[in-house]
C-alpha atoms as a PDB file:
ATOM      1  CA  MET A   1      39.768 -19.436  74.657  1.00  0.00           C
ATOM      2  CA  THR A   2      36.346 -18.213  73.913  1.00  0.00           C
ATOM      3  CA  ILE A   3      34.608 -19.011  70.612  1.00  0.00           C
ATOM      4  CA  ALA A   4      32.074 -16.452  69.299  1.00  0.00           C
ATOM      5  CA  ALA A   5      28.650 -17.944  68.548  1.00  0.00           C
ATOM      6  CA  ASN A   6      27.665 -17.782  64.828  1.00  0.00           C
ATOM      7  CA  THR A   7      24.747 -15.401  64.774  1.00  0.00           C
ATOM      8  CA  ASP A   8      24.290 -15.528  61.033  1.00  0.00           C
ATOM      9  CA  GLN A   9      20.893 -16.827  59.962  1.00  0.00           C
ATOM     10  CA  ALA A  10      19.806 -18.591  56.787  1.00  0.00           C
ATOM     11  CA  THR A  11      18.094 -16.316  54.140  1.00  0.00           C
ATOM     12  CA  PRO A  12      14.475 -17.286  54.128  1.00  0.00           C
ATOM     13  CA  GLN A  13      13.462 -18.732  50.691  1.00  0.00           C
ATOM     14  CA  PRO A  14      10.525 -17.121  48.810  1.00  0.00           C
ATOM     15  CA  THR A  15       7.328 -19.194  48.808  1.00  0.00           C
ATOM     16  CA  PHE A  16       5.457 -20.177  45.815  1.00  0.00           C
ATOM     17  CA  ALA A  17       2.667 -17.670  46.710  1.00  0.00           C
ATOM     18  CA  SER A  18       5.060 -14.847  46.874  1.00  0.00           C
ATOM     19  CA  GLN A  19       6.682 -15.626  43.617  1.00  0.00           C
ATOM     20  CA  LEU A  20       3.398 -15.958  42.040  1.00  0.00           C
ATOM     21  CA  ALA A  21       2.287 -12.569  43.365  1.00  0.00           C
ATOM     22  CA  THR A  22       5.570 -10.937  41.951  1.00  0.00           C
ATOM     23  CA  ALA A  23       5.041 -12.581  38.557  1.00  0.00           C
ATOM     24  CA  ALA A  24       1.331 -11.487  38.456  1.00  0.00           C
ATOM     25  CA  GLY A  25       2.281  -7.979  39.447  1.00  0.00           C
ATOM     26  CA  LEU A  26       4.986  -7.746  36.791  1.00  0.00           C
ATOM     27  CA  LEU A  27       2.597  -9.033  34.271  1.00  0.00           C
ATOM     28  CA  VAL A  28       0.059  -6.462  35.071  1.00  0.00           C
ATOM     29  CA  VAL A  29       2.664  -3.544  35.024  1.00  0.00           C
ATOM     30  CA  MET A  30       4.161  -4.749  31.730  1.00  0.00           C
ATOM     31  CA  THR A  31       0.644  -5.168  30.212  1.00  0.00           C
ATOM     32  CA  ILE A  32      -0.114  -1.566  31.048  1.00  0.00           C
ATOM     33  CA  ILE A  33       3.127  -0.278  29.672  1.00  0.00           C
ATOM     34  CA  THR A  34       3.354  -2.343  26.484  1.00  0.00           C
ATOM     35  CA  GLY A  35      -0.387  -2.538  25.899  1.00  0.00           C
ATOM     36  CA  VAL A  36      -1.721   0.774  26.714  1.00  0.00           C
ATOM     37  CA  VAL A  37       0.939   3.370  27.508  1.00  0.00           C
ATOM     38  CA  TYR A  38       3.281   2.643  24.492  1.00  0.00           C
ATOM     39  CA  PRO A  39       0.592   2.268  21.862  1.00  0.00           C
ATOM     40  CA  LEU A  40      -1.068   5.506  23.025  1.00  0.00           C
ATOM     41  CA  LEU A  41       2.244   7.273  23.028  1.00  0.00           C
ATOM     42  CA  VAL A  42       3.202   6.126  19.529  1.00  0.00           C
ATOM     43  CA  THR A  43      -0.161   6.899  18.135  1.00  0.00           C
ATOM     44  CA  GLY A  44      -0.114  10.382  19.723  1.00  0.00           C
ATOM     45  CA  ILE A  45       3.264  11.062  18.220  1.00  0.00           C
ATOM     46  CA  ALA A  46       2.259   9.802  14.842  1.00  0.00           C
ATOM     47  CA  LYS A  47      -0.920  11.907  14.791  1.00  0.00           C
ATOM     48  CA  VAL A  48       1.217  14.965  15.531  1.00  0.00           C
ATOM     49  CA  ALA A  49       4.164  14.321  13.404  1.00  0.00           C
ATOM     50  CA  PHE A  50       2.622  12.342  10.592  1.00  0.00           C
ATOM     51  CA  ARG A  51      -0.991  13.261  10.774  1.00  0.00           C
ATOM     52  CA  ASP A  52      -1.880  12.314   7.127  1.00  0.00           C
ATOM     53  CA  GLN A  53      -0.138   9.021   7.171  1.00  0.00           C
ATOM     54  CA  ALA A  54      -1.629   8.072  10.602  1.00  0.00           C
ATOM     55  CA  GLU A  55      -5.108   8.607   9.167  1.00  0.00           C
ATOM     56  CA  GLY A  56      -4.567   6.605   6.299  1.00  0.00           C
ATOM     57  CA  SER A  57      -3.258   8.948   3.725  1.00  0.00           C
ATOM     58  CA  LEU A  58      -6.823   9.616   2.534  1.00  0.00           C
ATOM     59  CA  ILE A  59      -7.709  11.587  -0.744  1.00  0.00           C
ATOM     60  CA  VAL A  60     -10.507  13.981  -0.352  1.00  0.00           C
ATOM     61  CA  LYS A  61     -12.355  15.558  -3.240  1.00  0.00           C
ATOM     62  CA  ASP A  62     -15.307  17.996  -2.942  1.00  0.00           C
ATOM     63  CA  GLY A  63     -15.440  17.192   0.719  1.00  0.00           C
ATOM     64  CA  LYS A  64     -15.691  13.455   0.231  1.00  0.00           C
ATOM     65  CA  ILE A  65     -13.215  10.634   0.741  1.00  0.00           C
ATOM     66  CA  VAL A  66     -12.495   9.083  -2.544  1.00  0.00           C
ATOM     67  CA  GLY A  67      -9.746   6.774  -1.488  1.00  0.00           C
ATOM     68  CA  SER A  68      -6.259   6.308  -0.027  1.00  0.00           C
ATOM     69  CA  ARG A  69      -3.093   7.078  -1.897  1.00  0.00           C
ATOM     70  CA  HIS A  70      -1.701   3.782  -0.657  1.00  0.00           C
ATOM     71  CA  ILE A  71      -4.566   1.457  -1.721  1.00  0.00           C
ATOM     72  CA  GLY A  72      -5.264   0.836  -5.559  1.00  0.00           C
ATOM     73  CA  GLN A  73      -8.634   0.983  -7.066  1.00  0.00           C
ATOM     74  CA  PRO A  74     -10.121  -0.661 -10.187  1.00  0.00           C
ATOM     75  CA  PHE A  75     -10.250   1.467 -13.355  1.00  0.00           C
ATOM     76  CA  GLU A  76     -11.764  -0.056 -16.470  1.00  0.00           C
ATOM     77  CA  ASP A  77     -13.159   2.962 -18.401  1.00  0.00           C
ATOM     78  CA  PRO A  78     -10.715   3.833 -21.324  1.00  0.00           C
ATOM     79  CA  LYS A  79     -10.660   7.363 -20.432  1.00  0.00           C
ATOM     80  CA  HIS A  80      -8.841   6.534 -17.147  1.00  0.00           C
ATOM     81  CA  PHE A  81      -5.435   5.095 -16.648  1.00  0.00           C
ATOM     82  CA  TRP A  82      -5.679   1.500 -15.508  1.00  0.00           C
ATOM     83  CA  SER A  83      -4.085   0.107 -12.390  1.00  0.00           C
ATOM     84  CA  ARG A  84      -2.422  -3.116 -11.907  1.00  0.00           C
ATOM     85  CA  LEU A  85      -4.302  -6.332 -11.551  1.00  0.00           C
ATOM     86  CA  SER A  86      -5.607  -7.435  -8.156  1.00  0.00           C
ATOM     87  CA  GLY A  87      -6.431 -10.836  -6.951  1.00  0.00           C
ATOM     88  CA  THR A  88      -8.005 -10.120  -3.508  1.00  0.00           C
ATOM     89  CA  SER A  89     -11.371 -11.443  -2.623  1.00  0.00           C
ATOM     90  CA  PRO A  90     -14.229 -11.059  -2.848  1.00  0.00           C
ATOM     91  CA  ALA A  91     -13.498  -7.894  -4.961  1.00  0.00           C
ATOM     92  CA  PRO A  92     -10.347  -6.349  -6.315  1.00  0.00           C
ATOM     93  CA  TYR A  93      -8.379  -4.080  -4.093  1.00  0.00           C
ATOM     94  CA  ASN A  94     -10.044  -5.297  -0.912  1.00  0.00           C
ATOM     95  CA  PRO A  95      -7.763  -3.973   1.799  1.00  0.00           C
ATOM     96  CA  SER A  96      -9.012  -6.513   4.319  1.00  0.00           C
ATOM     97  CA  SER A  97      -7.958  -9.437   2.171  1.00  0.00           C
ATOM     98  CA  SER A  98      -4.519  -8.529   0.854  1.00  0.00           C
ATOM     99  CA  SER A  99      -3.121 -11.321  -1.292  1.00  0.00           C
ATOM    100  CA  ALA A 100      -0.856 -11.978  -4.228  1.00  0.00           C
ATOM    101  CA  MET A 101      -2.504 -13.349  -7.458  1.00  0.00           C
ATOM    102  CA  ASN A 102       0.691 -14.262  -9.379  1.00  0.00           C
ATOM    103  CA  PHE A 103       1.524 -17.854  -9.947  1.00  0.00           C
ATOM    104  CA  GLY A 104       4.700 -19.522 -11.487  1.00  0.00           C
ATOM    105  CA  PRO A 105       5.621 -18.555 -15.125  1.00  0.00           C
ATOM    106  CA  THR A 106       4.623 -21.936 -16.374  1.00  0.00           C
ATOM    107  CA  ASN A 107       1.297 -21.922 -14.598  1.00  0.00           C
ATOM    108  CA  ASP A 108      -1.658 -21.909 -16.934  1.00  0.00           C
ATOM    109  CA  ALA A 109      -3.800 -19.477 -14.711  1.00  0.00           C
ATOM    110  CA  GLU A 110      -0.886 -16.869 -14.847  1.00  0.00           C
ATOM    111  CA  THR A 111      -0.743 -17.169 -18.572  1.00  0.00           C
ATOM    112  CA  LYS A 112      -4.584 -16.846 -18.966  1.00  0.00           C
ATOM    113  CA  ALA A 113      -4.796 -13.771 -16.652  1.00  0.00           C
ATOM    114  CA  ALA A 114      -1.999 -12.068 -18.452  1.00  0.00           C
ATOM    115  CA  GLN A 115      -3.555 -12.755 -21.872  1.00  0.00           C
ATOM    116  CA  ALA A 116      -6.854 -11.628 -20.717  1.00  0.00           C
ATOM    117  CA  ARG A 117      -5.478  -8.263 -19.840  1.00  0.00           C
ATOM    118  CA  ILE A 118      -3.516  -8.014 -22.954  1.00  0.00           C
ATOM    119  CA  ASP A 119      -6.650  -8.637 -24.942  1.00  0.00           C
ATOM    120  CA  ALA A 120      -8.486  -5.896 -22.842  1.00  0.00           C
ATOM    121  CA  LEU A 121      -5.735  -3.498 -23.443  1.00  0.00           C
ATOM    122  CA  HIS A 122      -5.590  -4.077 -27.200  1.00  0.00           C
ATOM    123  CA  ALA A 123      -9.408  -3.862 -27.432  1.00  0.00           C
ATOM    124  CA  ALA A 124      -9.355  -0.450 -25.652  1.00  0.00           C
ATOM    125  CA  ASP A 125      -6.485   0.740 -27.800  1.00  0.00           C
ATOM    126  CA  PRO A 126      -6.301  -1.220 -31.049  1.00  0.00           C
ATOM    127  CA  GLY A 127      -3.930   1.062 -32.788  1.00  0.00           C
ATOM    128  CA  ASN A 128      -1.277   0.730 -30.059  1.00  0.00           C
ATOM    129  CA  ASN A 129       1.290  -1.759 -31.157  1.00  0.00           C
ATOM    130  CA  ALA A 130       4.013  -0.885 -28.511  1.00  0.00           C
ATOM    131  CA  PRO A 131       5.121  -3.503 -26.103  1.00  0.00           C
ATOM    132  CA  ILE A 132       2.937  -3.751 -22.962  1.00  0.00           C
ATOM    133  CA  PRO A 133       4.819  -3.125 -19.732  1.00  0.00           C
ATOM    134  CA  VAL A 134       4.769  -6.206 -17.536  1.00  0.00           C
ATOM    135  CA  ASP A 135       3.138  -4.377 -14.530  1.00  0.00           C
ATOM    136  CA  LEU A 136      -0.030  -3.902 -16.579  1.00  0.00           C
ATOM    137  CA  VAL A 137      -0.660  -7.642 -17.035  1.00  0.00           C
ATOM    138  CA  THR A 138       0.674  -8.864 -13.604  1.00  0.00           C
ATOM    139  CA  GLY A 139      -0.533  -8.266 -10.009  1.00  0.00           C
ATOM    140  CA  SER A 140       1.555  -7.072  -7.191  1.00  0.00           C
ATOM    141  CA  CYS A 141       2.474  -8.979  -4.057  1.00  0.00           C
ATOM    142  CA  SER A 142      -0.278  -7.264  -1.956  1.00  0.00           C
ATOM    143  CA  GLY A 143      -2.936  -6.968  -4.630  1.00  0.00           C
ATOM    144  CA  LEU A 144      -3.414  -3.480  -3.452  1.00  0.00           C
ATOM    145  CA  ASP A 145      -0.619  -1.564  -5.385  1.00  0.00           C
ATOM    146  CA  PRO A 146      -1.813   1.949  -6.044  1.00  0.00           C
ATOM    147  CA  ASP A 147       1.010   2.711  -8.441  1.00  0.00           C
ATOM    148  CA  ILE A 148       2.095   1.846 -12.002  1.00  0.00           C
ATOM    149  CA  SER A 149       5.488   2.352 -13.744  1.00  0.00           C
ATOM    150  CA  PRO A 150       6.059   5.531 -15.787  1.00  0.00           C
ATOM    151  CA  ALA A 151       6.274   3.116 -18.701  1.00  0.00           C
ATOM    152  CA  ALA A 152       2.871   1.565 -17.975  1.00  0.00           C
ATOM    153  CA  ALA A 153       1.499   5.114 -17.743  1.00  0.00           C
ATOM    154  CA  GLU A 154       3.234   6.116 -21.050  1.00  0.00           C
ATOM    155  CA  TYR A 155       1.752   3.081 -22.772  1.00  0.00           C
ATOM    156  CA  GLN A 156      -1.797   4.362 -21.865  1.00  0.00           C
ATOM    157  CA  ILE A 157      -1.355   8.015 -22.880  1.00  0.00           C
ATOM    158  CA  ALA A 158      -2.464   7.824 -26.421  1.00  0.00           C
ATOM    159  CA  ARG A 159      -5.664   5.915 -25.428  1.00  0.00           C
ATOM    160  CA  VAL A 160      -6.562   8.433 -22.659  1.00  0.00           C
ATOM    161  CA  ALA A 161      -5.976  11.400 -24.867  1.00  0.00           C
ATOM    162  CA  ARG A 162      -8.010   9.958 -27.768  1.00  0.00           C
ATOM    163  CA  VAL A 163     -10.954   9.115 -25.750  1.00  0.00           C
ATOM    164  CA  ARG A 164     -10.932  12.483 -23.929  1.00  0.00           C
ATOM    165  CA  SER A 165     -10.268  14.328 -27.180  1.00  0.00           C
ATOM    166  CA  ILE A 166      -7.415  16.275 -25.653  1.00  0.00           C
ATOM    167  CA  PRO A 167      -3.742  16.585 -26.871  1.00  0.00           C
ATOM    168  CA  GLU A 168      -1.337  13.759 -25.823  1.00  0.00           C
ATOM    169  CA  ALA A 169       1.108  16.527 -24.668  1.00  0.00           C
ATOM    170  CA  ARG A 170      -1.459  17.747 -22.027  1.00  0.00           C
ATOM    171  CA  VAL A 171      -1.862  14.137 -20.797  1.00  0.00           C
ATOM    172  CA  ARG A 172       1.914  13.548 -20.841  1.00  0.00           C
ATOM    173  CA  GLU A 173       2.467  16.577 -18.729  1.00  0.00           C
ATOM    174  CA  LEU A 174      -0.083  15.309 -16.104  1.00  0.00           C
ATOM    175  CA  VAL A 175       1.747  12.015 -15.923  1.00  0.00           C
ATOM    176  CA  ALA A 176       5.153  13.846 -15.404  1.00  0.00           C
ATOM    177  CA  ALA A 177       3.557  15.868 -12.648  1.00  0.00           C
ATOM    178  CA  HIS A 178       2.357  12.784 -10.879  1.00  0.00           C
ATOM    179  CA  THR A 179       5.490  10.757 -11.349  1.00  0.00           C
ATOM    180  CA  GLU A 180       7.406  10.292  -8.109  1.00  0.00           C
ATOM    181  CA  GLY A 181      11.168   9.279  -7.844  1.00  0.00           C
ATOM    182  CA  ARG A 182      12.740   6.737  -5.659  1.00  0.00           C
ATOM    183  CA  ASP A 183      12.235   7.186  -1.911  1.00  0.00           C
ATOM    184  CA  LEU A 184      15.297   8.960  -0.429  1.00  0.00           C
ATOM    185  CA  GLY A 185      16.759   8.809  -3.916  1.00  0.00           C
ATOM    186  CA  ILE A 186      17.834   5.035  -3.609  1.00  0.00           C
ATOM    187  CA  LEU A 187      14.730   3.006  -2.551  1.00  0.00           C
ATOM    188  CA  GLY A 188      12.293   1.458  -4.950  1.00  0.00           C
ATOM    189  CA  GLU A 189      11.521   2.596  -8.500  1.00  0.00           C
ATOM    190  CA  PRO A 190       9.962   5.692 -10.020  1.00  0.00           C
ATOM    191  CA  HIS A 191       6.075   5.213  -9.920  1.00  0.00           C
ATOM    192  CA  VAL A 192       2.863   7.053 -10.713  1.00  0.00           C
ATOM    193  CA  ASN A 193      -0.202   7.052  -8.443  1.00  0.00           C
ATOM    194  CA  VAL A 194      -3.036   6.036 -10.673  1.00  0.00           C
ATOM    195  CA  LEU A 195      -5.911   7.392  -8.407  1.00  0.00           C
ATOM    196  CA  GLU A 196      -4.237  10.867  -8.147  1.00  0.00           C
ATOM    197  CA  LEU A 197      -3.575  10.865 -11.814  1.00  0.00           C
ATOM    198  CA  ASN A 198      -7.076  10.024 -12.690  1.00  0.00           C
ATOM    199  CA  LEU A 199      -8.550  12.494 -10.302  1.00  0.00           C
ATOM    200  CA  ALA A 200      -6.265  15.260 -12.076  1.00  0.00           C
ATOM    201  CA  LEU A 201      -7.549  14.057 -15.431  1.00  0.00           C
ATOM    202  CA  ASP A 202     -11.179  14.300 -14.440  1.00  0.00           C
ATOM    203  CA  THR A 203     -10.702  17.957 -13.279  1.00  0.00           C
ATOM    204  CA  LEU A 204      -8.872  18.863 -16.629  1.00  0.00           C
ATOM    205  CA  ILE A 205     -10.928  20.924 -18.960  1.00  0.00           C
ATOM    206  CA  SER A 206     -10.835  19.868 -22.484  1.00  0.00           C
ATOM    207  CA  PRO A 207      -9.976  22.537 -25.057  1.00  0.00           C
END
């Protein structure tokens, strides 16, 4: 009886050098795909489908960029609506230094900051005895919040109307026009963009 010879040969094992070359090649390919191709693709789609948002949602007035609708600005003049407090450094509403400023409710720094804002609001509008909405005396988690609540805007209407010598009804109409509802009808809370509202006020012609 004849026994056939076993002609099967063992599969050669890859060397360290070949494995290293494969890994290096994969690294290069994935770096190009995820680090170059994907970001460029996403940026290109964003600039076409969401051009305004991709460029920072900038607000332009008289041909000049005056801000972004997503970044708050400090307003201290009584003729303007005031924004929320900001604790960013070295200046308020610094987008490169986003940070919260609120401490715990028993922290003295929180109490002093809130009281200072309460005093400033009363000094600017001494005849207003209405309760002050909480978002006017506290900061947001980012320190960059561009919006205030409709209640915070309502609280300031009398002061703004008096300083500008215009009827409260006209100011209230502007507030209503710049009040946005919940996103998709369910997300977040109604809010008023302070910069856009103040820009609208500055273009309003007094009677």
